[in-house]
Amino acid sequence: MLAFWAVFSPSAYQLLALGAVSMVIAATLFLMSRWAYWLGLFTFPLLAAEFVYALTFSVDVVGWYPNPIVAVFNASMVVYLFFLCFSFLLLIDRRNTLKSDKFLDKLRGTLTAPATNPESPKTSGS
């Protein structure tokens, strides 16, 4: 999506947004973060609808095999949809193995400083 956005249609900001969200989901699922599961569940219908629409539009306008470039494009859409559905099923299957939100914990740790109390110094002896 990001390559298509950059090369062919820089005005299609929905491709940029979905591509960026997909990269975030991939990175946080690699870190086994649980919140990425929910983000993946909510973005799956958007991604599937986008690529089904692109495939049907391409087939309606130019057909399946008018030239090798269009044939490769249509084949890439079919392969993408296959792997999208496979990854969605894998995400649902592996949801119980996702750990806590390491990513959010690290983000919270950098945003909040540890609380220190300078009024009570440690005393030794007595």
N, C-alpha and C. Protein backbone atom coordinates (compact mmCIF):
# COMPACT_ATOMS: atom_id res chain seq x y z
N MET A 1 0.82 -1.19 0.00
CA MET A 1 0.00 0.00 0.00
C MET A 1 0.86 1.25 0.00
N LEU A 2 1.93 1.22 0.77
CA LEU A 2 2.78 2.40 0.83
C LEU A 2 3.49 2.64 -0.50
N ALA A 3 3.92 1.56 -1.16
CA ALA A 3 4.58 1.72 -2.46
C ALA A 3 3.59 2.21 -3.51
N PHE A 4 2.40 1.66 -3.53
CA PHE A 4 1.39 2.11 -4.49
C PHE A 4 1.05 3.57 -4.25
N TRP A 5 0.93 3.95 -2.99
CA TRP A 5 0.63 5.34 -2.65
C TRP A 5 1.75 6.27 -3.13
N ALA A 6 2.98 5.88 -2.89
CA ALA A 6 4.11 6.74 -3.24
C ALA A 6 4.30 6.86 -4.75
N VAL A 7 4.09 5.77 -5.48
CA VAL A 7 4.38 5.77 -6.90
C VAL A 7 3.21 6.27 -7.74
N PHE A 8 2.01 5.78 -7.45
CA PHE A 8 0.89 6.03 -8.34
C PHE A 8 -0.09 7.10 -7.88
N SER A 9 -0.37 7.17 -6.59
CA SER A 9 -1.45 8.04 -6.16
C SER A 9 -1.16 8.71 -4.82
N PRO A 10 -0.31 9.75 -4.82
CA PRO A 10 -0.01 10.44 -3.57
C PRO A 10 -1.20 11.16 -2.94
N SER A 11 -2.27 11.33 -3.68
CA SER A 11 -3.44 12.00 -3.10
C SER A 11 -4.37 11.03 -2.38
N ALA A 12 -4.11 9.74 -2.46
CA ALA A 12 -4.94 8.73 -1.78
C ALA A 12 -4.39 8.51 -0.37
N TYR A 13 -4.76 9.39 0.53
CA TYR A 13 -4.21 9.33 1.88
C TYR A 13 -4.71 8.14 2.68
N GLN A 14 -5.83 7.53 2.27
CA GLN A 14 -6.31 6.34 2.97
C GLN A 14 -5.31 5.20 2.80
N LEU A 15 -4.62 5.13 1.66
CA LEU A 15 -3.60 4.10 1.47
C LEU A 15 -2.43 4.34 2.41
N LEU A 16 -2.05 5.59 2.57
CA LEU A 16 -0.97 5.94 3.49
C LEU A 16 -1.35 5.57 4.92
N ALA A 17 -2.56 5.92 5.31
CA ALA A 17 -3.01 5.63 6.68
C ALA A 17 -3.08 4.13 6.94
N LEU A 18 -3.70 3.38 6.03
CA LEU A 18 -3.81 1.93 6.23
C LEU A 18 -2.45 1.25 6.15
N GLY A 19 -1.57 1.73 5.31
CA GLY A 19 -0.22 1.17 5.24
C GLY A 19 0.56 1.42 6.52
N ALA A 20 0.44 2.62 7.06
CA ALA A 20 1.13 2.94 8.32
C ALA A 20 0.56 2.12 9.48
N VAL A 21 -0.76 1.99 9.53
CA VAL A 21 -1.39 1.18 10.58
C VAL A 21 -0.98 -0.28 10.45
N SER A 22 -0.87 -0.77 9.23
CA SER A 22 -0.44 -2.15 9.01
C SER A 22 0.99 -2.37 9.51
N MET A 23 1.86 -1.39 9.30
CA MET A 23 3.23 -1.50 9.79
C MET A 23 3.27 -1.49 11.32
N VAL A 24 2.45 -0.66 11.93
CA VAL A 24 2.39 -0.61 13.40
C VAL A 24 1.87 -1.94 13.94
N ILE A 25 0.84 -2.49 13.31
CA ILE A 25 0.29 -3.78 13.75
C ILE A 25 1.35 -4.86 13.63
N ALA A 26 2.06 -4.89 12.52
CA ALA A 26 3.09 -5.91 12.33
C ALA A 26 4.19 -5.81 13.38
N ALA A 27 4.65 -4.59 13.65
CA ALA A 27 5.72 -4.41 14.63
C ALA A 27 5.27 -4.79 16.04
N THR A 28 4.07 -4.39 16.41
CA THR A 28 3.63 -4.68 17.77
C THR A 28 3.21 -6.14 17.94
N LEU A 29 2.74 -6.78 16.89
CA LEU A 29 2.48 -8.21 16.99
C LEU A 29 3.78 -8.99 17.09
N PHE A 30 4.82 -8.49 16.44
CA PHE A 30 6.14 -9.11 16.59
C PHE A 30 6.61 -9.04 18.03
N LEU A 31 6.26 -7.96 18.72
CA LEU A 31 6.60 -7.80 20.14
C LEU A 31 5.59 -8.50 21.05
N MET A 32 4.60 -9.19 20.45
CA MET A 32 3.58 -9.96 21.18
C MET A 32 2.70 -9.08 22.06
N SER A 33 2.36 -7.92 21.58
CA SER A 33 1.53 -7.00 22.34
C SER A 33 0.05 -7.31 22.11
N ARG A 34 -0.71 -7.30 23.18
CA ARG A 34 -2.11 -7.69 23.09
C ARG A 34 -2.98 -6.64 22.40
N TRP A 35 -2.67 -5.37 22.53
CA TRP A 35 -3.53 -4.34 21.92
C TRP A 35 -3.46 -4.38 20.40
N ALA A 36 -2.38 -4.91 19.84
CA ALA A 36 -2.29 -5.03 18.38
C ALA A 36 -3.30 -6.04 17.85
N TYR A 37 -3.68 -6.99 18.68
CA TYR A 37 -4.71 -7.95 18.29
C TYR A 37 -6.02 -7.24 17.97
N TRP A 38 -6.41 -6.32 18.85
CA TRP A 38 -7.67 -5.60 18.63
C TRP A 38 -7.57 -4.67 17.43
N LEU A 39 -6.44 -4.03 17.26
CA LEU A 39 -6.26 -3.17 16.10
C LEU A 39 -6.28 -3.99 14.81
N GLY A 40 -5.71 -5.18 14.85
CA GLY A 40 -5.75 -6.06 13.69
C GLY A 40 -7.15 -6.54 13.37
N LEU A 41 -7.94 -6.81 14.40
CA LEU A 41 -9.32 -7.23 14.17
C LEU A 41 -10.14 -6.12 13.52
N PHE A 42 -9.93 -4.90 13.94
CA PHE A 42 -10.71 -3.79 13.41
C PHE A 42 -10.26 -3.34 12.03
N THR A 43 -9.00 -3.53 11.69
CA THR A 43 -8.53 -3.09 10.38
C THR A 43 -8.68 -4.16 9.30
N PHE A 44 -8.88 -5.41 9.67
CA PHE A 44 -9.04 -6.46 8.67
C PHE A 44 -10.17 -6.18 7.69
N PRO A 45 -11.37 -5.79 8.13
CA PRO A 45 -12.43 -5.51 7.14
C PRO A 45 -12.07 -4.35 6.21
N LEU A 46 -11.38 -3.35 6.71
CA LEU A 46 -10.98 -2.22 5.86
C LEU A 46 -9.99 -2.67 4.79
N LEU A 47 -9.00 -3.45 5.20
CA LEU A 47 -8.01 -3.93 4.25
C LEU A 47 -8.62 -4.88 3.23
N ALA A 48 -9.47 -5.77 3.68
CA ALA A 48 -10.10 -6.72 2.76
C ALA A 48 -10.99 -5.98 1.77
N ALA A 49 -11.78 -5.03 2.23
CA ALA A 49 -12.66 -4.28 1.34
C ALA A 49 -11.85 -3.47 0.33
N GLU A 50 -10.77 -2.89 0.77
CA GLU A 50 -9.95 -2.09 -0.13
C GLU A 50 -9.37 -2.94 -1.27
N PHE A 51 -8.84 -4.11 -0.93
CA PHE A 51 -8.20 -4.92 -1.96
C PHE A 51 -9.21 -5.68 -2.81
N VAL A 52 -10.35 -6.04 -2.27
CA VAL A 52 -11.40 -6.65 -3.09
C VAL A 52 -11.92 -5.62 -4.09
N TYR A 53 -12.12 -4.39 -3.62
CA TYR A 53 -12.57 -3.33 -4.51
C TYR A 53 -11.53 -3.05 -5.60
N ALA A 54 -10.26 -2.99 -5.24
CA ALA A 54 -9.21 -2.73 -6.24
C ALA A 54 -9.15 -3.85 -7.27
N LEU A 55 -9.29 -5.08 -6.83
CA LEU A 55 -9.25 -6.20 -7.76
C LEU A 55 -10.46 -6.19 -8.69
N THR A 56 -11.64 -6.00 -8.15
CA THR A 56 -12.83 -6.00 -9.00
C THR A 56 -12.84 -4.80 -9.95
N PHE A 57 -12.36 -3.66 -9.51
CA PHE A 57 -12.28 -2.49 -10.38
C PHE A 57 -11.30 -2.75 -11.52
N SER A 58 -10.15 -3.32 -11.19
CA SER A 58 -9.15 -3.62 -12.22
C SER A 58 -9.69 -4.63 -13.23
N VAL A 59 -10.37 -5.65 -12.77
CA VAL A 59 -10.91 -6.66 -13.67
C VAL A 59 -12.04 -6.08 -14.51
N ASP A 60 -12.88 -5.24 -13.92
CA ASP A 60 -13.98 -4.63 -14.68
C ASP A 60 -13.48 -3.66 -15.75
N VAL A 61 -12.43 -2.92 -15.45
CA VAL A 61 -11.96 -1.90 -16.38
C VAL A 61 -11.10 -2.50 -17.50
N VAL A 62 -10.12 -3.33 -17.15
CA VAL A 62 -9.18 -3.82 -18.15
C VAL A 62 -9.21 -5.33 -18.35
N GLY A 63 -9.87 -6.07 -17.50
CA GLY A 63 -9.90 -7.53 -17.64
C GLY A 63 -8.79 -8.19 -16.84
N TRP A 64 -8.76 -9.53 -16.91
CA TRP A 64 -7.77 -10.27 -16.13
C TRP A 64 -6.38 -10.22 -16.74
N TYR A 65 -6.25 -10.42 -18.06
CA TYR A 65 -4.92 -10.56 -18.68
C TYR A 65 -4.75 -9.72 -19.95
N PRO A 66 -4.98 -8.43 -19.95
CA PRO A 66 -4.77 -7.68 -21.19
C PRO A 66 -3.29 -7.51 -21.54
N ASN A 67 -2.44 -7.44 -20.53
CA ASN A 67 -1.00 -7.39 -20.74
C ASN A 67 -0.31 -7.93 -19.49
N PRO A 68 0.98 -8.21 -19.56
CA PRO A 68 1.67 -8.82 -18.40
C PRO A 68 1.65 -7.97 -17.12
N ILE A 69 1.70 -6.67 -17.24
CA ILE A 69 1.72 -5.81 -16.05
C ILE A 69 0.40 -5.91 -15.30
N VAL A 70 -0.70 -5.86 -16.01
CA VAL A 70 -2.01 -5.97 -15.38
C VAL A 70 -2.21 -7.37 -14.81
N ALA A 71 -1.72 -8.37 -15.50
CA ALA A 71 -1.82 -9.75 -14.99
C ALA A 71 -1.06 -9.90 -13.68
N VAL A 72 0.13 -9.32 -13.61
CA VAL A 72 0.92 -9.38 -12.36
C VAL A 72 0.22 -8.61 -11.26
N PHE A 73 -0.35 -7.44 -11.59
CA PHE A 73 -1.08 -6.65 -10.60
C PHE A 73 -2.27 -7.44 -10.04
N ASN A 74 -3.07 -8.03 -10.93
CA ASN A 74 -4.22 -8.80 -10.48
C ASN A 74 -3.80 -10.03 -9.67
N ALA A 75 -2.75 -10.69 -10.10
CA ALA A 75 -2.25 -11.84 -9.35
C ALA A 75 -1.75 -11.41 -7.97
N SER A 76 -1.11 -10.24 -7.90
CA SER A 76 -0.62 -9.77 -6.60
C SER A 76 -1.78 -9.45 -5.66
N MET A 77 -2.89 -8.95 -6.20
CA MET A 77 -4.07 -8.70 -5.37
C MET A 77 -4.65 -10.00 -4.82
N VAL A 78 -4.71 -11.03 -5.65
CA VAL A 78 -5.22 -12.32 -5.20
C VAL A 78 -4.31 -12.91 -4.13
N VAL A 79 -3.00 -12.83 -4.34
CA VAL A 79 -2.04 -13.35 -3.34
C VAL A 79 -2.14 -12.55 -2.05
N TYR A 80 -2.25 -11.22 -2.15
CA TYR A 80 -2.38 -10.40 -0.95
C TYR A 80 -3.64 -10.76 -0.17
N LEU A 81 -4.74 -10.93 -0.86
CA LEU A 81 -5.99 -11.30 -0.17
C LEU A 81 -5.87 -12.67 0.48
N PHE A 82 -5.19 -13.61 -0.18
CA PHE A 82 -4.98 -14.92 0.44
C PHE A 82 -4.19 -14.79 1.73
N PHE A 83 -3.07 -14.07 1.68
CA PHE A 83 -2.26 -13.93 2.89
C PHE A 83 -2.93 -13.07 3.94
N LEU A 84 -3.76 -12.12 3.54
CA LEU A 84 -4.51 -11.32 4.50
C LEU A 84 -5.48 -12.20 5.28
N CYS A 85 -6.20 -13.06 4.57
CA CYS A 85 -7.15 -13.97 5.24
C CYS A 85 -6.41 -14.98 6.11
N PHE A 86 -5.28 -15.48 5.61
CA PHE A 86 -4.48 -16.43 6.39
C PHE A 86 -3.95 -15.78 7.67
N SER A 87 -3.45 -14.55 7.57
CA SER A 87 -2.93 -13.88 8.76
C SER A 87 -4.04 -13.53 9.73
N PHE A 88 -5.22 -13.23 9.23
CA PHE A 88 -6.36 -12.96 10.11
C PHE A 88 -6.74 -14.21 10.90
N LEU A 89 -6.80 -15.35 10.22
CA LEU A 89 -7.10 -16.60 10.91
C LEU A 89 -6.00 -16.97 11.90
N LEU A 90 -4.76 -16.73 11.54
CA LEU A 90 -3.65 -16.99 12.45
C LEU A 90 -3.70 -16.07 13.67
N LEU A 91 -4.08 -14.81 13.45
CA LEU A 91 -4.22 -13.86 14.54
C LEU A 91 -5.29 -14.32 15.52
N ILE A 92 -6.42 -14.77 15.00
CA ILE A 92 -7.49 -15.25 15.87
C ILE A 92 -7.05 -16.51 16.61
N ASP A 93 -6.33 -17.38 15.93
CA ASP A 93 -5.89 -18.63 16.56
C ASP A 93 -4.87 -18.39 17.67
N ARG A 94 -3.99 -17.43 17.49
CA ARG A 94 -2.90 -17.19 18.44
C ARG A 94 -3.20 -16.10 19.46
N ARG A 95 -4.44 -15.68 19.60
CA ARG A 95 -4.75 -14.56 20.49
C ARG A 95 -4.42 -14.85 21.95
N ASN A 96 -4.48 -16.11 22.37
CA ASN A 96 -4.20 -16.43 23.77
C ASN A 96 -2.71 -16.44 24.08
N THR A 97 -1.87 -16.50 23.06
CA THR A 97 -0.42 -16.50 23.30
C THR A 97 0.15 -15.09 23.39
N LEU A 98 -0.65 -14.09 23.07
CA LEU A 98 -0.16 -12.72 23.16
C LEU A 98 0.02 -12.33 24.63
N LYS A 99 1.12 -11.70 24.90
CA LYS A 99 1.46 -11.35 26.28
C LYS A 99 0.86 -10.00 26.63
N SER A 100 1.34 -9.45 27.71
CA SER A 100 0.85 -8.14 28.13
C SER A 100 1.33 -7.08 27.14
N ASP A 101 0.97 -5.88 27.40
CA ASP A 101 1.29 -4.79 26.50
C ASP A 101 2.68 -4.23 26.77
N LYS A 102 3.72 -4.94 26.31
CA LYS A 102 5.09 -4.48 26.50
C LYS A 102 5.30 -3.12 25.84
N PHE A 103 4.73 -2.99 24.66
CA PHE A 103 4.90 -1.74 23.93
C PHE A 103 4.31 -0.56 24.69
N LEU A 104 3.10 -0.72 25.21
CA LEU A 104 2.48 0.37 25.97
C LEU A 104 3.19 0.61 27.30
N ASP A 105 3.69 -0.47 27.93
CA ASP A 105 4.42 -0.30 29.18
C ASP A 105 5.71 0.49 28.95
N LYS A 106 6.41 0.20 27.84
CA LYS A 106 7.62 0.96 27.53
C LYS A 106 7.29 2.41 27.22
N LEU A 107 6.18 2.62 26.52
CA LEU A 107 5.77 3.98 26.20
C LEU A 107 5.39 4.75 27.46
N ARG A 108 4.69 4.12 28.36
CA ARG A 108 4.34 4.77 29.63
C ARG A 108 5.58 5.07 30.46
N GLY A 109 6.55 4.17 30.43
CA GLY A 109 7.78 4.37 31.19
C GLY A 109 8.58 5.56 30.71
N THR A 110 8.56 5.81 29.41
CA THR A 110 9.30 6.97 28.90
C THR A 110 8.53 8.27 29.10
N LEU A 111 7.21 8.19 29.23
CA LEU A 111 6.42 9.40 29.41
C LEU A 111 6.34 9.84 30.86
N THR A 112 6.42 8.91 31.79
CA THR A 112 6.33 9.26 33.21
C THR A 112 7.66 9.00 33.89
N ALA A 113 8.12 9.97 34.64
CA ALA A 113 9.37 9.84 35.38
C ALA A 113 9.07 9.18 36.72
N PRO A 114 10.01 8.41 37.24
CA PRO A 114 9.78 7.80 38.55
C PRO A 114 9.68 8.86 39.64
N ALA A 115 8.78 8.63 40.55
CA ALA A 115 8.56 9.58 41.65
C ALA A 115 9.65 9.42 42.69
N THR A 116 10.28 10.52 43.07
CA THR A 116 11.30 10.50 44.13
C THR A 116 10.86 11.47 45.21
N ASN A 117 11.22 11.16 46.41
CA ASN A 117 10.87 11.98 47.55
C ASN A 117 12.15 12.52 48.18
N PRO A 118 12.56 13.76 47.86
CA PRO A 118 13.81 14.29 48.37
C PRO A 118 13.74 14.70 49.84
N GLU A 119 12.55 14.72 50.45
CA GLU A 119 12.40 15.17 51.83
C GLU A 119 12.79 14.11 52.85
N SER A 120 12.83 12.86 52.49
CA SER A 120 13.14 11.82 53.46
C SER A 120 14.43 11.11 53.10
N PRO A 121 15.57 11.69 53.51
CA PRO A 121 16.87 11.05 53.24
C PRO A 121 17.04 9.84 54.17
N LYS A 122 17.80 8.88 53.68
CA LYS A 122 18.06 7.68 54.49
C LYS A 122 19.08 8.03 55.58
N THR A 123 18.81 7.52 56.75
CA THR A 123 19.73 7.73 57.85
C THR A 123 20.25 6.39 58.29
N SER A 124 21.51 6.35 58.62
CA SER A 124 22.07 5.09 59.11
C SER A 124 22.42 5.25 60.59
N GLY A 125 22.42 4.14 61.27
CA GLY A 125 22.74 4.16 62.70
C GLY A 125 21.51 4.37 63.55
N SER A 126 21.69 4.72 64.78
CA SER A 126 20.72 4.93 65.82
C SER A 126 19.64 3.99 65.71
